[in-house]
PDB file of N, CA and C in Angstrom:
ATOM      1  N   MET A   1      92.605 103.158  76.354  1.00  0.00           N
ATOM      2  CA  MET A   1      93.198 104.454  76.112  1.00  0.00           C
ATOM      3  C   MET A   1      92.084 105.464  75.924  1.00  0.00           C
ATOM      4  N   ARG A   2      92.407 106.721  76.082  1.00  0.00           N
ATOM      5  CA  ARG A   2      91.432 107.787  75.869  1.00  0.00           C
ATOM      6  C   ARG A   2      91.643 108.425  74.508  1.00  0.00           C
ATOM      7  N   ALA A   3      90.531 108.840  73.895  1.00  0.00           N
ATOM      8  CA  ALA A   3      90.613 109.505  72.588  1.00  0.00           C
ATOM      9  C   ALA A   3      89.433 110.457  72.460  1.00  0.00           C
ATOM     10  N   ILE A   4      89.628 111.491  71.671  1.00  0.00           N
ATOM     11  CA  ILE A   4      88.522 112.364  71.293  1.00  0.00           C
ATOM     12  C   ILE A   4      87.808 111.672  70.140  1.00  0.00           C
ATOM     13  N   VAL A   5      86.514 111.436  70.291  1.00  0.00           N
ATOM     14  CA  VAL A   5      85.726 110.704  69.305  1.00  0.00           C
ATOM     15  C   VAL A   5      84.644 111.626  68.752  1.00  0.00           C
ATOM     16  N   GLN A   6      84.523 111.637  67.432  1.00  0.00           N
ATOM     17  CA  GLN A   6      83.464 112.416  66.778  1.00  0.00           C
ATOM     18  C   GLN A   6      82.248 111.524  66.638  1.00  0.00           C
ATOM     19  N   ILE A   7      81.106 111.960  67.184  1.00  0.00           N
ATOM     20  CA  ILE A   7      79.902 111.132  67.204  1.00  0.00           C
ATOM     21  C   ILE A   7      78.837 111.590  66.211  1.00  0.00           C
ATOM     22  N   GLY A   8      79.152 112.550  65.391  1.00  0.00           N
ATOM     23  CA  GLY A   8      78.215 113.066  64.398  1.00  0.00           C
ATOM     24  C   GLY A   8      78.838 114.277  63.740  1.00  0.00           C
ATOM     25  N   THR A   9      78.016 115.067  63.062  1.00  0.00           N
ATOM     26  CA  THR A   9      78.526 116.301  62.477  1.00  0.00           C
ATOM     27  C   THR A   9      77.912 117.489  63.184  1.00  0.00           C
ATOM     28  N   GLY A  10      78.663 118.571  63.258  1.00  0.00           N
ATOM     29  CA  GLY A  10      78.190 119.776  63.919  1.00  0.00           C
ATOM     30  C   GLY A  10      79.338 120.538  64.534  1.00  0.00           C
ATOM     31  N   GLY A  11      79.027 121.221  65.610  1.00  0.00           N
ATOM     32  CA  GLY A  11      80.017 122.028  66.317  1.00  0.00           C
ATOM     33  C   GLY A  11      80.865 121.169  67.240  1.00  0.00           C
ATOM     34  N   PRO A  12      81.634 121.810  68.092  1.00  0.00           N
ATOM     35  CA  PRO A  12      82.505 121.087  69.017  1.00  0.00           C
ATOM     36  C   PRO A  12      81.759 120.107  69.922  1.00  0.00           C
ATOM     37  N   GLU A  13      80.459 120.291  70.084  1.00  0.00           N
ATOM     38  CA  GLU A  13      79.685 119.392  70.951  1.00  0.00           C
ATOM     39  C   GLU A  13      79.628 117.954  70.437  1.00  0.00           C
ATOM     40  N   VAL A  14      79.977 117.702  69.172  1.00  0.00           N
ATOM     41  CA  VAL A  14      79.969 116.333  68.650  1.00  0.00           C
ATOM     42  C   VAL A  14      81.273 115.599  68.957  1.00  0.00           C
ATOM     43  N   LEU A  15      82.184 116.253  69.675  1.00  0.00           N
ATOM     44  CA  LEU A  15      83.435 115.629  70.091  1.00  0.00           C
ATOM     45  C   LEU A  15      83.329 115.225  71.547  1.00  0.00           C
ATOM     46  N   GLN A  16      83.665 113.976  71.835  1.00  0.00           N
ATOM     47  CA  GLN A  16      83.592 113.463  73.201  1.00  0.00           C
ATOM     48  C   GLN A  16      84.891 112.758  73.564  1.00  0.00           C
ATOM     49  N   LEU A  17      85.327 112.938  74.807  1.00  0.00           N
ATOM     50  CA  LEU A  17      86.461 112.178  75.332  1.00  0.00           C
ATOM     51  C   LEU A  17      85.914 110.830  75.764  1.00  0.00           C
ATOM     52  N   GLN A  18      86.438 109.743  75.182  1.00  0.00           N
ATOM     53  CA  GLN A  18      85.946 108.398  75.470  1.00  0.00           C
ATOM     54  C   GLN A  18      87.100 107.434  75.674  1.00  0.00           C
ATOM     55  N   GLU A  19      86.815 106.345  76.378  1.00  0.00           N
ATOM     56  CA  GLU A  19      87.736 105.222  76.460  1.00  0.00           C
ATOM     57  C   GLU A  19      87.509 104.370  75.217  1.00  0.00           C
ATOM     58  N   VAL A  20      88.575 104.049  74.507  1.00  0.00           N
ATOM     59  CA  VAL A  20      88.494 103.221  73.302  1.00  0.00           C
ATOM     60  C   VAL A  20      89.530 102.106  73.416  1.00  0.00           C
ATOM     61  N   PRO A  21      89.320 100.998  72.709  1.00  0.00           N
ATOM     62  CA  PRO A  21      90.297  99.903  72.773  1.00  0.00           C
ATOM     63  C   PRO A  21      91.649 100.318  72.186  1.00  0.00           C
ATOM     64  N   GLU A  22      92.717  99.740  72.735  1.00  0.00           N
ATOM     65  CA  GLU A  22      94.048  99.945  72.157  1.00  0.00           C
ATOM     66  C   GLU A  22      94.026  99.415  70.733  1.00  0.00           C
ATOM     67  N   PRO A  23      94.547 100.171  69.769  1.00  0.00           N
ATOM     68  CA  PRO A  23      94.562  99.672  68.396  1.00  0.00           C
ATOM     69  C   PRO A  23      95.582  98.554  68.222  1.00  0.00           C
ATOM     70  N   GLU A  24      95.302  97.662  67.283  1.00  0.00           N
ATOM     71  CA  GLU A  24      96.244  96.616  66.911  1.00  0.00           C
ATOM     72  C   GLU A  24      96.835  96.986  65.560  1.00  0.00           C
ATOM     73  N   VAL A  25      98.142  96.817  65.447  1.00  0.00           N
ATOM     74  CA  VAL A  25      98.803  97.182  64.194  1.00  0.00           C
ATOM     75  C   VAL A  25      98.337  96.239  63.081  1.00  0.00           C
ATOM     76  N   GLN A  26      98.062  96.824  61.926  1.00  0.00           N
ATOM     77  CA  GLN A  26      97.601  96.085  60.754  1.00  0.00           C
ATOM     78  C   GLN A  26      98.703  96.069  59.701  1.00  0.00           C
ATOM     79  N   PRO A  27      98.684  95.096  58.785  1.00  0.00           N
ATOM     80  CA  PRO A  27      99.678  95.090  57.710  1.00  0.00           C
ATOM     81  C   PRO A  27      99.658  96.416  56.949  1.00  0.00           C
ATOM     82  N   GLY A  28     100.847  96.937  56.683  1.00  0.00           N
ATOM     83  CA  GLY A  28     100.966  98.183  55.943  1.00  0.00           C
ATOM     84  C   GLY A  28     100.776  99.432  56.780  1.00  0.00           C
ATOM     85  N   HIS A  29     100.642  99.286  58.109  1.00  0.00           N
ATOM     86  CA  HIS A  29     100.414 100.426  58.998  1.00  0.00           C
ATOM     87  C   HIS A  29     101.449 100.467  60.114  1.00  0.00           C
ATOM     88  N   LEU A  30     101.499 101.613  60.791  1.00  0.00           N
ATOM     89  CA  LEU A  30     102.344 101.819  61.967  1.00  0.00           C
ATOM     90  C   LEU A  30     101.463 102.008  63.189  1.00  0.00           C
ATOM     91  N   LEU A  31     101.978 101.649  64.353  1.00  0.00           N
ATOM     92  CA  LEU A  31     101.324 101.989  65.615  1.00  0.00           C
ATOM     93  C   LEU A  31     102.186 103.057  66.268  1.00  0.00           C
ATOM     94  N   VAL A  32     101.604 104.240  66.480  1.00  0.00           N
ATOM     95  CA  VAL A  32     102.336 105.386  67.012  1.00  0.00           C
ATOM     96  C   VAL A  32     101.756 105.780  68.363  1.00  0.00           C
ATOM     97  N   ARG A  33     102.617 105.914  69.371  1.00  0.00           N
ATOM     98  CA  ARG A  33     102.194 106.474  70.658  1.00  0.00           C
ATOM     99  C   ARG A  33     102.238 107.984  70.486  1.00  0.00           C
ATOM    100  N   VAL A  34     101.068 108.593  70.451  1.00  0.00           N
ATOM    101  CA  VAL A  34     100.946 110.017  70.133  1.00  0.00           C
ATOM    102  C   VAL A  34     101.407 110.858  71.320  1.00  0.00           C
ATOM    103  N   LYS A  35     102.254 111.826  71.028  1.00  0.00           N
ATOM    104  CA  LYS A  35     102.761 112.762  72.036  1.00  0.00           C
ATOM    105  C   LYS A  35     102.187 114.161  71.845  1.00  0.00           C
ATOM    106  N   ALA A  36     101.817 114.513  70.608  1.00  0.00           N
ATOM    107  CA  ALA A  36     101.263 115.834  70.323  1.00  0.00           C
ATOM    108  C   ALA A  36     100.360 115.730  69.103  1.00  0.00           C
ATOM    109  N   ILE A  37      99.348 116.590  69.059  1.00  0.00           N
ATOM    110  CA  ILE A  37      98.431 116.622  67.919  1.00  0.00           C
ATOM    111  C   ILE A  37      98.284 118.045  67.421  1.00  0.00           C
ATOM    112  N   GLY A  38      97.805 118.159  66.208  1.00  0.00           N
ATOM    113  CA  GLY A  38      97.438 119.451  65.649  1.00  0.00           C
ATOM    114  C   GLY A  38      96.033 119.335  65.093  1.00  0.00           C
ATOM    115  N   VAL A  39      95.293 120.409  65.136  1.00  0.00           N
ATOM    116  CA  VAL A  39      93.962 120.421  64.544  1.00  0.00           C
ATOM    117  C   VAL A  39      94.099 121.036  63.165  1.00  0.00           C
ATOM    118  N   ASN A  40      93.937 120.200  62.157  1.00  0.00           N
ATOM    119  CA  ASN A  40      94.064 120.605  60.774  1.00  0.00           C
ATOM    120  C   ASN A  40      92.716 121.148  60.305  1.00  0.00           C
ATOM    121  N   TYR A  41      92.738 122.040  59.342  1.00  0.00           N
ATOM    122  CA  TYR A  41      91.489 122.599  58.821  1.00  0.00           C
ATOM    123  C   TYR A  41      90.558 121.502  58.308  1.00  0.00           C
ATOM    124  N   ILE A  42      91.112 120.457  57.696  1.00  0.00           N
ATOM    125  CA  ILE A  42      90.271 119.370  57.190  1.00  0.00           C
ATOM    126  C   ILE A  42      89.532 118.677  58.338  1.00  0.00           C
ATOM    127  N   ASP A  43      90.142 118.603  59.536  1.00  0.00           N
ATOM    128  CA  ASP A  43      89.458 118.035  60.706  1.00  0.00           C
ATOM    129  C   ASP A  43      88.188 118.825  61.018  1.00  0.00           C
ATOM    130  N   THR A  44      88.270 120.149  60.949  1.00  0.00           N
ATOM    131  CA  THR A  44      87.088 120.964  61.242  1.00  0.00           C
ATOM    132  C   THR A  44      86.042 120.835  60.137  1.00  0.00           C
ATOM    133  N   MET A  45      86.489 120.681  58.889  1.00  0.00           N
ATOM    134  CA  MET A  45      85.538 120.492  57.786  1.00  0.00           C
ATOM    135  C   MET A  45      84.787 119.165  57.928  1.00  0.00           C
ATOM    136  N   ILE A  46      85.500 118.091  58.297  1.00  0.00           N
ATOM    137  CA  ILE A  46      84.855 116.785  58.511  1.00  0.00           C
ATOM    138  C   ILE A  46      83.854 116.899  59.648  1.00  0.00           C
ATOM    139  N   ARG A  47      84.252 117.531  60.747  1.00  0.00           N
ATOM    140  CA  ARG A  47      83.368 117.662  61.907  1.00  0.00           C
ATOM    141  C   ARG A  47      82.087 118.399  61.548  1.00  0.00           C
ATOM    142  N   ARG A  48      82.202 119.431  60.730  1.00  0.00           N
ATOM    143  CA  ARG A  48      81.035 120.230  60.360  1.00  0.00           C
ATOM    144  C   ARG A  48      80.168 119.564  59.290  1.00  0.00           C
ATOM    145  N   GLY A  49      80.679 118.498  58.656  1.00  0.00           N
ATOM    146  CA  GLY A  49      79.934 117.832  57.605  1.00  0.00           C
ATOM    147  C   GLY A  49      80.165 118.446  56.238  1.00  0.00           C
ATOM    148  N   TRP A  50      81.209 119.244  56.095  1.00  0.00           N
ATOM    149  CA  TRP A  50      81.524 119.908  54.836  1.00  0.00           C
ATOM    150  C   TRP A  50      82.475 119.084  53.978  1.00  0.00           C
ATOM    151  N   TYR A  51      82.851 117.928  54.443  1.00  0.00           N
ATOM    152  CA  TYR A  51      83.778 117.046  53.752  1.00  0.00           C
ATOM    153  C   TYR A  51      83.301 115.630  54.035  1.00  0.00           C
ATOM    154  N   PRO A  52      83.439 114.697  53.096  1.00  0.00           N
ATOM    155  CA  PRO A  52      82.925 113.342  53.345  1.00  0.00           C
ATOM    156  C   PRO A  52      83.465 112.741  54.637  1.00  0.00           C
ATOM    157  N   MET A  53      82.569 112.176  55.427  1.00  0.00           N
ATOM    158  CA  MET A  53      82.921 111.530  56.689  1.00  0.00           C
ATOM    159  C   MET A  53      83.638 110.221  56.391  1.00  0.00           C
ATOM    160  N   PRO A  54      84.714 109.923  57.109  1.00  0.00           N
ATOM    161  CA  PRO A  54      85.395 108.638  56.915  1.00  0.00           C
ATOM    162  C   PRO A  54      84.442 107.470  57.153  1.00  0.00           C
ATOM    163  N   GLN A  55      84.691 106.356  56.498  1.00  0.00           N
ATOM    164  CA  GLN A  55      83.824 105.184  56.585  1.00  0.00           C
ATOM    165  C   GLN A  55      83.784 104.590  57.989  1.00  0.00           C
ATOM    166  N   ARG A  56      84.918 104.570  58.670  1.00  0.00           N
ATOM    167  CA  ARG A  56      84.994 103.942  59.993  1.00  0.00           C
ATOM    168  C   ARG A  56      84.312 104.795  61.043  1.00  0.00           C
ATOM    169  N   GLN A  57      83.431 104.212  61.809  1.00  0.00           N
ATOM    170  CA  GLN A  57      82.772 104.910  62.909  1.00  0.00           C
ATOM    171  C   GLN A  57      82.954 104.092  64.179  1.00  0.00           C
ATOM    172  N   PRO A  58      83.157 104.629  65.347  1.00  0.00           N
ATOM    173  CA  PRO A  58      83.282 106.063  65.559  1.00  0.00           C
ATOM    174  C   PRO A  58      84.583 106.584  64.947  1.00  0.00           C
ATOM    175  N   TYR A  59      84.556 107.836  64.590  1.00  0.00           N
ATOM    176  CA  TYR A  59      85.695 108.466  63.934  1.00  0.00           C
ATOM    177  C   TYR A  59      86.543 109.189  64.970  1.00  0.00           C
ATOM    178  N   ILE A  60      87.823 108.905  64.969  1.00  0.00           N
ATOM    179  CA  ILE A  60      88.767 109.610  65.837  1.00  0.00           C
ATOM    180  C   ILE A  60      89.544 110.575  64.950  1.00  0.00           C
ATOM    181  N   PRO A  61      89.232 111.884  65.028  1.00  0.00           N
ATOM    182  CA  PRO A  61      89.915 112.844  64.160  1.00  0.00           C
ATOM    183  C   PRO A  61      91.383 112.991  64.533  1.00  0.00           C
ATOM    184  N   GLY A  62      92.139 113.488  63.592  1.00  0.00           N
ATOM    185  CA  GLY A  62      93.543 113.745  63.871  1.00  0.00           C
ATOM    186  C   GLY A  62      94.416 113.449  62.675  1.00  0.00           C
ATOM    187  N   ILE A  63      94.497 114.374  61.772  1.00  0.00           N
ATOM    188  CA  ILE A  63      95.316 114.189  60.589  1.00  0.00           C
ATOM    189  C   ILE A  63      96.779 114.495  60.916  1.00  0.00           C
ATOM    190  N   GLU A  64      97.010 115.375  61.890  1.00  0.00           N
ATOM    191  CA  GLU A  64      98.379 115.765  62.243  1.00  0.00           C
ATOM    192  C   GLU A  64      98.722 115.236  63.629  1.00  0.00           C
ATOM    193  N   VAL A  65      99.705 114.337  63.686  1.00  0.00           N
ATOM    194  CA  VAL A  65     100.159 113.802  64.969  1.00  0.00           C
ATOM    195  C   VAL A  65     101.678 113.708  64.966  1.00  0.00           C
ATOM    196  N   ALA A  66     102.240 113.703  66.153  1.00  0.00           N
ATOM    197  CA  ALA A  66     103.666 113.455  66.337  1.00  0.00           C
ATOM    198  C   ALA A  66     103.798 112.501  67.507  1.00  0.00           C
ATOM    199  N   GLY A  67     104.706 111.562  67.391  1.00  0.00           N
ATOM    200  CA  GLY A  67     104.877 110.607  68.474  1.00  0.00           C
ATOM    201  C   GLY A  67     106.013 109.647  68.194  1.00  0.00           C
ATOM    202  N   VAL A  68     105.930 108.498  68.858  1.00  0.00           N
ATOM    203  CA  VAL A  68     106.960 107.477  68.789  1.00  0.00           C
ATOM    204  C   VAL A  68     106.379 106.236  68.130  1.00  0.00           C
ATOM    205  N   VAL A  69     107.065 105.710  67.118  1.00  0.00           N
ATOM    206  CA  VAL A  69     106.636 104.471  66.476  1.00  0.00           C
ATOM    207  C   VAL A  69     106.895 103.332  67.457  1.00  0.00           C
ATOM    208  N   GLU A  70     105.826 102.619  67.828  1.00  0.00           N
ATOM    209  CA  GLU A  70     105.961 101.528  68.788  1.00  0.00           C
ATOM    210  C   GLU A  70     105.951 100.159  68.129  1.00  0.00           C
ATOM    211  N   GLU A  71     105.280 100.077  66.991  1.00  0.00           N
ATOM    212  CA  GLU A  71     105.173  98.782  66.323  1.00  0.00           C
ATOM    213  C   GLU A  71     104.901  99.026  64.845  1.00  0.00           C
ATOM    214  N   VAL A  72     105.387  98.112  64.018  1.00  0.00           N
ATOM    215  CA  VAL A  72     105.136  98.227  62.589  1.00  0.00           C
ATOM    216  C   VAL A  72     104.426  96.979  62.105  1.00  0.00           C
ATOM    217  N   GLY A  73     103.516  97.183  61.166  1.00  0.00           N
ATOM    218  CA  GLY A  73     102.812  96.064  60.568  1.00  0.00           C
ATOM    219  C   GLY A  73     103.639  95.416  59.479  1.00  0.00           C
ATOM    220  N   GLU A  74     103.195  94.261  59.065  1.00  0.00           N
ATOM    221  CA  GLU A  74     103.864  93.530  57.991  1.00  0.00           C
ATOM    222  C   GLU A  74     103.966  94.404  56.742  1.00  0.00           C
ATOM    223  N   GLY A  75     105.130  94.391  56.137  1.00  0.00           N
ATOM    224  CA  GLY A  75     105.327  95.149  54.907  1.00  0.00           C
ATOM    225  C   GLY A  75     105.749  96.590  55.118  1.00  0.00           C
ATOM    226  N   VAL A  76     105.991  96.998  56.365  1.00  0.00           N
ATOM    227  CA  VAL A  76     106.410  98.366  56.673  1.00  0.00           C
ATOM    228  C   VAL A  76     107.865  98.361  57.081  1.00  0.00           C
ATOM    229  N   SER A  77     108.645  99.298  56.538  1.00  0.00           N
ATOM    230  CA  SER A  77     110.043  99.434  56.881  1.00  0.00           C
ATOM    231  C   SER A  77     110.251 100.803  57.503  1.00  0.00           C
ATOM    232  N   VAL A  78     110.824 100.836  58.699  1.00  0.00           N
ATOM    233  CA  VAL A  78     111.133 102.111  59.351  1.00  0.00           C
ATOM    234  C   VAL A  78     112.591 102.100  59.775  1.00  0.00           C
ATOM    235  N   GLY A  79     113.137 103.294  59.918  1.00  0.00           N
ATOM    236  CA  GLY A  79     114.539 103.421  60.281  1.00  0.00           C
ATOM    237  C   GLY A  79     114.857 102.987  61.702  1.00  0.00           C
ATOM    238  N   LYS A  80     114.220 103.631  62.681  1.00  0.00           N
ATOM    239  CA  LYS A  80     114.568 103.374  64.080  1.00  0.00           C
ATOM    240  C   LYS A  80     113.305 103.274  64.912  1.00  0.00           C
ATOM    241  N   LEU A  81     112.887 102.068  65.201  1.00  0.00           N
ATOM    242  CA  LEU A  81     111.712 101.816  66.023  1.00  0.00           C
ATOM    243  C   LEU A  81     111.950 102.375  67.426  1.00  0.00           C
ATOM    244  N   GLY A  82     110.951 103.093  67.953  1.00  0.00           N
ATOM    245  CA  GLY A  82     111.043 103.633  69.303  1.00  0.00           C
ATOM    246  C   GLY A  82     111.705 104.980  69.398  1.00  0.00           C
ATOM    247  N   LYS A  83     112.123 105.564  68.289  1.00  0.00           N
ATOM    248  CA  LYS A  83     112.735 106.888  68.311  1.00  0.00           C
ATOM    249  C   LYS A  83     111.678 107.933  67.992  1.00  0.00           C
ATOM    250  N   GLY A  84     111.638 109.014  68.770  1.00  0.00           N
ATOM    251  CA  GLY A  84     110.658 110.073  68.559  1.00  0.00           C
ATOM    252  C   GLY A  84     111.173 111.159  67.670  1.00  0.00           C
TER     253      GLY A  84
END
């Protein structure tokens, strides 16, 4: 799949479109097929280095997403799987 990946801190130049592995659903998490995103102010603060960088690298920004739940991890309860 393709994703915008943050490779450091700075301006928009630290964002790259890359091929990344399909994520696997983990216990306590959802797998969402993203249909739309929003750029939240906190995303820009993280990119600029004004907010602590998440531990996982490479970092795929995106605090605001909308999509369809495709799979749920153990311990997660959802109303209607596959509904957007």
